[in-house]
């Protein structure tokens, strides 16, 4: 499955981080056996710590919001 989006829940800051992967980022991610290792390379650029996050990678971004 090709991932197009990353969603991270940073429980240290209460932040939801959504990242749309560029074509270059998708190609770079294929160089890693473990996708989580690739995510670690994105930490500095996007300002998160993977150790403080739960994450998921999806092909299609869909969001449902209640009460906002």
PDB file of N, CA and C in Angstrom:
ATOM      1  N   UNK A   1       0.839  -1.184   0.000  1.00  0.00           N
ATOM      2  CA  UNK A   1       0.000   0.000   0.000  1.00  0.00           C
ATOM      3  C   UNK A   1       0.883   1.246   0.000  1.00  0.00           C
ATOM      4  N   UNK A   2       0.517   2.186  -0.805  1.00  0.00           N
ATOM      5  CA  UNK A   2       1.261   3.448  -0.841  1.00  0.00           C
ATOM      6  C   UNK A   2       0.619   4.433   0.130  1.00  0.00           C
ATOM      7  N   UNK A   3       1.441   5.004   0.980  1.00  0.00           N
ATOM      8  CA  UNK A   3       0.958   5.983   1.943  1.00  0.00           C
ATOM      9  C   UNK A   3       1.086   7.379   1.358  1.00  0.00           C
ATOM     10  N   UNK A   4       0.049   8.171   1.507  1.00  0.00           N
ATOM     11  CA  UNK A   4       0.062   9.552   1.051  1.00  0.00           C
ATOM     12  C   UNK A   4       0.058  10.544   2.207  1.00  0.00           C
ATOM     13  N   UNK A   5      -0.458  10.112   3.358  1.00  0.00           N
ATOM     14  CA  UNK A   5      -0.602  11.005   4.502  1.00  0.00           C
ATOM     15  C   UNK A   5      -0.108  10.335   5.775  1.00  0.00           C
ATOM     16  N   UNK A   6       0.422  11.161   6.664  1.00  0.00           N
ATOM     17  CA  UNK A   6       0.772  10.729   8.014  1.00  0.00           C
ATOM     18  C   UNK A   6      -0.078  11.525   8.987  1.00  0.00           C
ATOM     19  N   UNK A   7      -0.596  10.856   9.984  1.00  0.00           N
ATOM     20  CA  UNK A   7      -1.317  11.520  11.057  1.00  0.00           C
ATOM     21  C   UNK A   7      -0.631  11.118  12.348  1.00  0.00           C
ATOM     22  N   UNK A   8      -0.177  12.118  13.076  1.00  0.00           N
ATOM     23  CA  UNK A   8       0.505  11.874  14.345  1.00  0.00           C
ATOM     24  C   UNK A   8      -0.291  12.520  15.464  1.00  0.00           C
ATOM     25  N   UNK A   9      -0.454  11.809  16.569  1.00  0.00           N
ATOM     26  CA  UNK A   9      -1.082  12.342  17.769  1.00  0.00           C
ATOM     27  C   UNK A   9       0.020  12.533  18.795  1.00  0.00           C
ATOM     28  N   UNK A  10       0.403  13.769  19.008  1.00  0.00           N
ATOM     29  CA  UNK A  10       1.486  14.085  19.947  1.00  0.00           C
ATOM     30  C   UNK A  10       0.871  14.273  21.323  1.00  0.00           C
ATOM     31  N   UNK A  11       1.002  13.264  22.169  1.00  0.00           N
ATOM     32  CA  UNK A  11       0.371  13.325  23.480  1.00  0.00           C
ATOM     33  C   UNK A  11       1.151  14.166  24.475  1.00  0.00           C
ATOM     34  N   UNK A  12       2.350  14.640  24.134  1.00  0.00           N
ATOM     35  CA  UNK A  12       3.077  15.540  25.037  1.00  0.00           C
ATOM     36  C   UNK A  12       2.581  16.980  24.887  1.00  0.00           C
ATOM     37  N   UNK A  13       2.045  17.320  23.710  1.00  0.00           N
ATOM     38  CA  UNK A  13       1.555  18.682  23.469  1.00  0.00           C
ATOM     39  C   UNK A  13       0.056  18.730  23.190  1.00  0.00           C
ATOM     40  N   UNK A  14      -0.576  17.576  23.005  1.00  0.00           N
ATOM     41  CA  UNK A  14      -1.991  17.540  22.654  1.00  0.00           C
ATOM     42  C   UNK A  14      -2.252  17.971  21.218  1.00  0.00           C
ATOM     43  N   UNK A  15      -1.265  17.811  20.373  1.00  0.00           N
ATOM     44  CA  UNK A  15      -1.334  18.292  18.994  1.00  0.00           C
ATOM     45  C   UNK A  15      -1.613  17.145  18.024  1.00  0.00           C
ATOM     46  N   UNK A  16      -2.416  17.431  17.015  1.00  0.00           N
ATOM     47  CA  UNK A  16      -2.624  16.517  15.894  1.00  0.00           C
ATOM     48  C   UNK A  16      -1.808  17.061  14.731  1.00  0.00           C
ATOM     49  N   UNK A  17      -0.923  16.240  14.191  1.00  0.00           N
ATOM     50  CA  UNK A  17      -0.048  16.659  13.096  1.00  0.00           C
ATOM     51  C   UNK A  17      -0.430  15.853  11.860  1.00  0.00           C
ATOM     52  N   UNK A  18      -0.803  16.556  10.793  1.00  0.00           N
ATOM     53  CA  UNK A  18      -1.143  15.906   9.523  1.00  0.00           C
ATOM     54  C   UNK A  18      -0.098  16.307   8.501  1.00  0.00           C
ATOM     55  N   UNK A  19       0.476  15.327   7.838  1.00  0.00           N
ATOM     56  CA  UNK A  19       1.525  15.574   6.853  1.00  0.00           C
ATOM     57  C   UNK A  19       1.132  14.894   5.545  1.00  0.00           C
ATOM     58  N   UNK A  20       1.112  15.671   4.465  1.00  0.00           N
ATOM     59  CA  UNK A  20       0.915  15.093   3.132  1.00  0.00           C
ATOM     60  C   UNK A  20       2.304  14.816   2.570  1.00  0.00           C
ATOM     61  N   UNK A  21       2.587  13.563   2.303  1.00  0.00           N
ATOM     62  CA  UNK A  21       3.903  13.177   1.809  1.00  0.00           C
ATOM     63  C   UNK A  21       4.080  13.592   0.354  1.00  0.00           C
ATOM     64  N   UNK A  22       5.224  14.170   0.055  1.00  0.00           N
ATOM     65  CA  UNK A  22       5.562  14.509  -1.329  1.00  0.00           C
ATOM     66  C   UNK A  22       5.993  13.230  -2.053  1.00  0.00           C
ATOM     67  N   UNK A  23       6.073  13.305  -3.360  1.00  0.00           N
ATOM     68  CA  UNK A  23       6.533  12.151  -4.138  1.00  0.00           C
ATOM     69  C   UNK A  23       7.949  11.759  -3.716  1.00  0.00           C
ATOM     70  N   UNK A  24       8.786  12.744  -3.463  1.00  0.00           N
ATOM     71  CA  UNK A  24      10.156  12.465  -3.018  1.00  0.00           C
ATOM     72  C   UNK A  24      10.163  11.760  -1.662  1.00  0.00           C
ATOM     73  N   UNK A  25       9.322  12.198  -0.744  1.00  0.00           N
ATOM     74  CA  UNK A  25       9.253  11.557   0.571  1.00  0.00           C
ATOM     75  C   UNK A  25       8.765  10.118   0.450  1.00  0.00           C
ATOM     76  N   UNK A  26       7.816   9.876  -0.427  1.00  0.00           N
ATOM     77  CA  UNK A  26       7.327   8.505  -0.632  1.00  0.00           C
ATOM     78  C   UNK A  26       8.444   7.610  -1.164  1.00  0.00           C
ATOM     79  N   UNK A  27       9.215   8.124  -2.115  1.00  0.00           N
ATOM     80  CA  UNK A  27      10.345   7.342  -2.648  1.00  0.00           C
ATOM     81  C   UNK A  27      11.383   7.086  -1.555  1.00  0.00           C
ATOM     82  N   UNK A  28      11.695   8.116  -0.768  1.00  0.00           N
ATOM     83  CA  UNK A  28      12.671   7.958   0.319  1.00  0.00           C
ATOM     84  C   UNK A  28      12.220   6.905   1.323  1.00  0.00           C
ATOM     85  N   UNK A  29      10.932   6.869   1.624  1.00  0.00           N
ATOM     86  CA  UNK A  29      10.427   5.923   2.626  1.00  0.00           C
ATOM     87  C   UNK A  29      10.622   4.475   2.185  1.00  0.00           C
ATOM     88  N   UNK A  30      10.650   4.236   0.877  1.00  0.00           N
ATOM     89  CA  UNK A  30      10.812   2.876   0.360  1.00  0.00           C
ATOM     90  C   UNK A  30      12.215   2.327   0.587  1.00  0.00           C
ATOM     91  N   UNK A  31      13.157   3.176   0.939  1.00  0.00           N
ATOM     92  CA  UNK A  31      14.531   2.746   1.199  1.00  0.00           C
ATOM     93  C   UNK A  31      14.687   2.098   2.570  1.00  0.00           C
ATOM     94  N   UNK A  32      13.655   2.180   3.397  1.00  0.00           N
ATOM     95  CA  UNK A  32      13.725   1.673   4.765  1.00  0.00           C
ATOM     96  C   UNK A  32      12.910   0.391   4.888  1.00  0.00           C
ATOM     97  N   UNK A  33      13.461  -0.589   5.612  1.00  0.00           N
ATOM     98  CA  UNK A  33      12.721  -1.825   5.869  1.00  0.00           C
ATOM     99  C   UNK A  33      11.571  -1.578   6.832  1.00  0.00           C
ATOM    100  N   UNK A  34      11.780  -0.662   7.765  1.00  0.00           N
ATOM    101  CA  UNK A  34      10.793  -0.354   8.792  1.00  0.00           C
ATOM    102  C   UNK A  34      10.330   1.087   8.585  1.00  0.00           C
ATOM    103  N   UNK A  35       9.044   1.286   8.322  1.00  0.00           N
ATOM    104  CA  UNK A  35       8.523   2.627   8.049  1.00  0.00           C
ATOM    105  C   UNK A  35       8.750   3.566   9.230  1.00  0.00           C
ATOM    106  N   UNK A  36       8.724   3.030  10.432  1.00  0.00           N
ATOM    107  CA  UNK A  36       8.951   3.857  11.620  1.00  0.00           C
ATOM    108  C   UNK A  36      10.365   4.450  11.621  1.00  0.00           C
ATOM    109  N   UNK A  37      11.333   3.726  11.088  1.00  0.00           N
ATOM    110  CA  UNK A  37      12.690   4.280  10.959  1.00  0.00           C
ATOM    111  C   UNK A  37      12.674   5.497  10.041  1.00  0.00           C
ATOM    112  N   UNK A  38      11.899   5.421   8.977  1.00  0.00           N
ATOM    113  CA  UNK A  38      11.776   6.578   8.090  1.00  0.00           C
ATOM    114  C   UNK A  38      11.136   7.757   8.820  1.00  0.00           C
ATOM    115  N   UNK A  39      10.119   7.489   9.619  1.00  0.00           N
ATOM    116  CA  UNK A  39       9.458   8.571  10.354  1.00  0.00           C
ATOM    117  C   UNK A  39      10.435   9.316  11.253  1.00  0.00           C
ATOM    118  N   UNK A  40      11.387   8.615  11.808  1.00  0.00           N
ATOM    119  CA  UNK A  40      12.381   9.262  12.666  1.00  0.00           C
ATOM    120  C   UNK A  40      13.185  10.309  11.899  1.00  0.00           C
ATOM    121  N   UNK A  41      13.347  10.119  10.595  1.00  0.00           N
ATOM    122  CA  UNK A  41      14.096  11.095   9.798  1.00  0.00           C
ATOM    123  C   UNK A  41      13.296  12.378   9.584  1.00  0.00           C
ATOM    124  N   UNK A  42      12.002  12.348   9.840  1.00  0.00           N
ATOM    125  CA  UNK A  42      11.143  13.519   9.651  1.00  0.00           C
ATOM    126  C   UNK A  42      10.991  14.363  10.914  1.00  0.00           C
ATOM    127  N   UNK A  43      11.458  13.853  12.037  1.00  0.00           N
ATOM    128  CA  UNK A  43      11.227  14.522  13.325  1.00  0.00           C
ATOM    129  C   UNK A  43      11.687  15.975  13.335  1.00  0.00           C
ATOM    130  N   UNK A  44      12.914  16.235  12.971  1.00  0.00           N
ATOM    131  CA  UNK A  44      13.448  17.599  13.040  1.00  0.00           C
ATOM    132  C   UNK A  44      12.729  18.541  12.073  1.00  0.00           C
ATOM    133  N   UNK A  45      12.460  18.074  10.897  1.00  0.00           N
ATOM    134  CA  UNK A  45      11.828  18.919   9.888  1.00  0.00           C
ATOM    135  C   UNK A  45      10.411  19.342  10.236  1.00  0.00           C
ATOM    136  N   UNK A  46       9.698  18.477  10.968  1.00  0.00           N
ATOM    137  CA  UNK A  46       8.313  18.779  11.312  1.00  0.00           C
ATOM    138  C   UNK A  46       8.125  19.080  12.795  1.00  0.00           C
ATOM    139  N   UNK A  47       9.178  18.995  13.577  1.00  0.00           N
ATOM    140  CA  UNK A  47       9.115  19.408  14.971  1.00  0.00           C
ATOM    141  C   UNK A  47       8.333  18.495  15.896  1.00  0.00           C
ATOM    142  N   UNK A  48       8.440  17.199  15.703  1.00  0.00           N
ATOM    143  CA  UNK A  48       7.812  16.253  16.626  1.00  0.00           C
ATOM    144  C   UNK A  48       8.843  15.240  17.088  1.00  0.00           C
ATOM    145  N   UNK A  49       8.525  14.563  18.173  1.00  0.00           N
ATOM    146  CA  UNK A  49       9.347  13.448  18.654  1.00  0.00           C
ATOM    147  C   UNK A  49       8.513  12.188  18.535  1.00  0.00           C
ATOM    148  N   UNK A  50       8.957  11.248  17.746  1.00  0.00           N
ATOM    149  CA  UNK A  50       8.193  10.031  17.509  1.00  0.00           C
ATOM    150  C   UNK A  50       7.917   9.282  18.809  1.00  0.00           C
ATOM    151  N   UNK A  51       8.830   9.378  19.759  1.00  0.00           N
ATOM    152  CA  UNK A  51       8.626   8.712  21.049  1.00  0.00           C
ATOM    153  C   UNK A  51       7.427   9.281  21.805  1.00  0.00           C
ATOM    154  N   UNK A  52       7.007  10.498  21.465  1.00  0.00           N
ATOM    155  CA  UNK A  52       5.871  11.140  22.130  1.00  0.00           C
ATOM    156  C   UNK A  52       4.590  11.043  21.312  1.00  0.00           C
ATOM    157  N   UNK A  53       4.597  10.231  20.269  1.00  0.00           N
ATOM    158  CA  UNK A  53       3.464  10.206  19.339  1.00  0.00           C
ATOM    159  C   UNK A  53       2.947   8.797  19.090  1.00  0.00           C
ATOM    160  N   UNK A  54       1.668   8.743  18.805  1.00  0.00           N
ATOM    161  CA  UNK A  54       1.076   7.602  18.123  1.00  0.00           C
ATOM    162  C   UNK A  54       0.859   8.068  16.692  1.00  0.00           C
ATOM    163  N   UNK A  55       0.951   7.157  15.745  1.00  0.00           N
ATOM    164  CA  UNK A  55       0.861   7.582  14.354  1.00  0.00           C
ATOM    165  C   UNK A  55       0.148   6.542  13.514  1.00  0.00           C
ATOM    166  N   UNK A  56      -0.327   7.011  12.375  1.00  0.00           N
ATOM    167  CA  UNK A  56      -0.831   6.101  11.349  1.00  0.00           C
ATOM    168  C   UNK A  56      -0.525   6.722   9.998  1.00  0.00           C
ATOM    169  N   UNK A  57      -0.341   5.877   9.024  1.00  0.00           N
ATOM    170  CA  UNK A  57      -0.098   6.303   7.652  1.00  0.00           C
ATOM    171  C   UNK A  57      -1.237   5.746   6.808  1.00  0.00           C
ATOM    172  N   UNK A  58      -1.808   6.598   5.953  1.00  0.00           N
ATOM    173  CA  UNK A  58      -2.979   6.203   5.176  1.00  0.00           C
ATOM    174  C   UNK A  58      -2.833   6.647   3.728  1.00  0.00           C
ATOM    175  N   UNK A  59      -3.543   5.949   2.869  1.00  0.00           N
ATOM    176  CA  UNK A  59      -3.544   6.307   1.455  1.00  0.00           C
ATOM    177  C   UNK A  59      -4.450   7.514   1.202  1.00  0.00           C
ATOM    178  N   UNK A  60      -5.598   7.523   1.868  1.00  0.00           N
ATOM    179  CA  UNK A  60      -6.593   8.580   1.651  1.00  0.00           C
ATOM    180  C   UNK A  60      -6.937   9.199   2.997  1.00  0.00           C
ATOM    181  N   UNK A  61      -6.886  10.515   3.074  1.00  0.00           N
ATOM    182  CA  UNK A  61      -7.176  11.221   4.314  1.00  0.00           C
ATOM    183  C   UNK A  61      -8.667  11.471   4.422  1.00  0.00           C
ATOM    184  N   UNK A  62      -9.231  11.023   5.522  1.00  0.00           N
ATOM    185  CA  UNK A  62     -10.646  11.244   5.793  1.00  0.00           C
ATOM    186  C   UNK A  62     -10.759  11.652   7.249  1.00  0.00           C
ATOM    187  N   UNK A  63     -11.535  12.686   7.522  1.00  0.00           N
ATOM    188  CA  UNK A  63     -11.636  13.198   8.881  1.00  0.00           C
ATOM    189  C   UNK A  63     -13.102  13.409   9.238  1.00  0.00           C
ATOM    190  N   UNK A  64     -13.470  13.014  10.444  1.00  0.00           N
ATOM    191  CA  UNK A  64     -14.796  13.263  10.982  1.00  0.00           C
ATOM    192  C   UNK A  64     -14.626  14.057  12.261  1.00  0.00           C
ATOM    193  N   UNK A  65     -15.352  15.159  12.385  1.00  0.00           N
ATOM    194  CA  UNK A  65     -15.231  16.035  13.546  1.00  0.00           C
ATOM    195  C   UNK A  65     -16.613  16.188  14.174  1.00  0.00           C
ATOM    196  N   UNK A  66     -16.679  16.105  15.495  1.00  0.00           N
ATOM    197  CA  UNK A  66     -17.933  16.262  16.220  1.00  0.00           C
ATOM    198  C   UNK A  66     -17.827  17.423  17.199  1.00  0.00           C
ATOM    199  N   UNK A  67     -18.840  18.245  17.273  1.00  0.00           N
ATOM    200  CA  UNK A  67     -18.959  19.263  18.310  1.00  0.00           C
ATOM    201  C   UNK A  67     -18.012  20.443  18.211  1.00  0.00           C
ATOM    202  N   UNK A  68     -17.483  20.756  17.036  1.00  0.00           N
ATOM    203  CA  UNK A  68     -16.581  21.903  16.902  1.00  0.00           C
ATOM    204  C   UNK A  68     -17.209  22.963  16.043  1.00  0.00           C
TER     205      UNK A  68
END
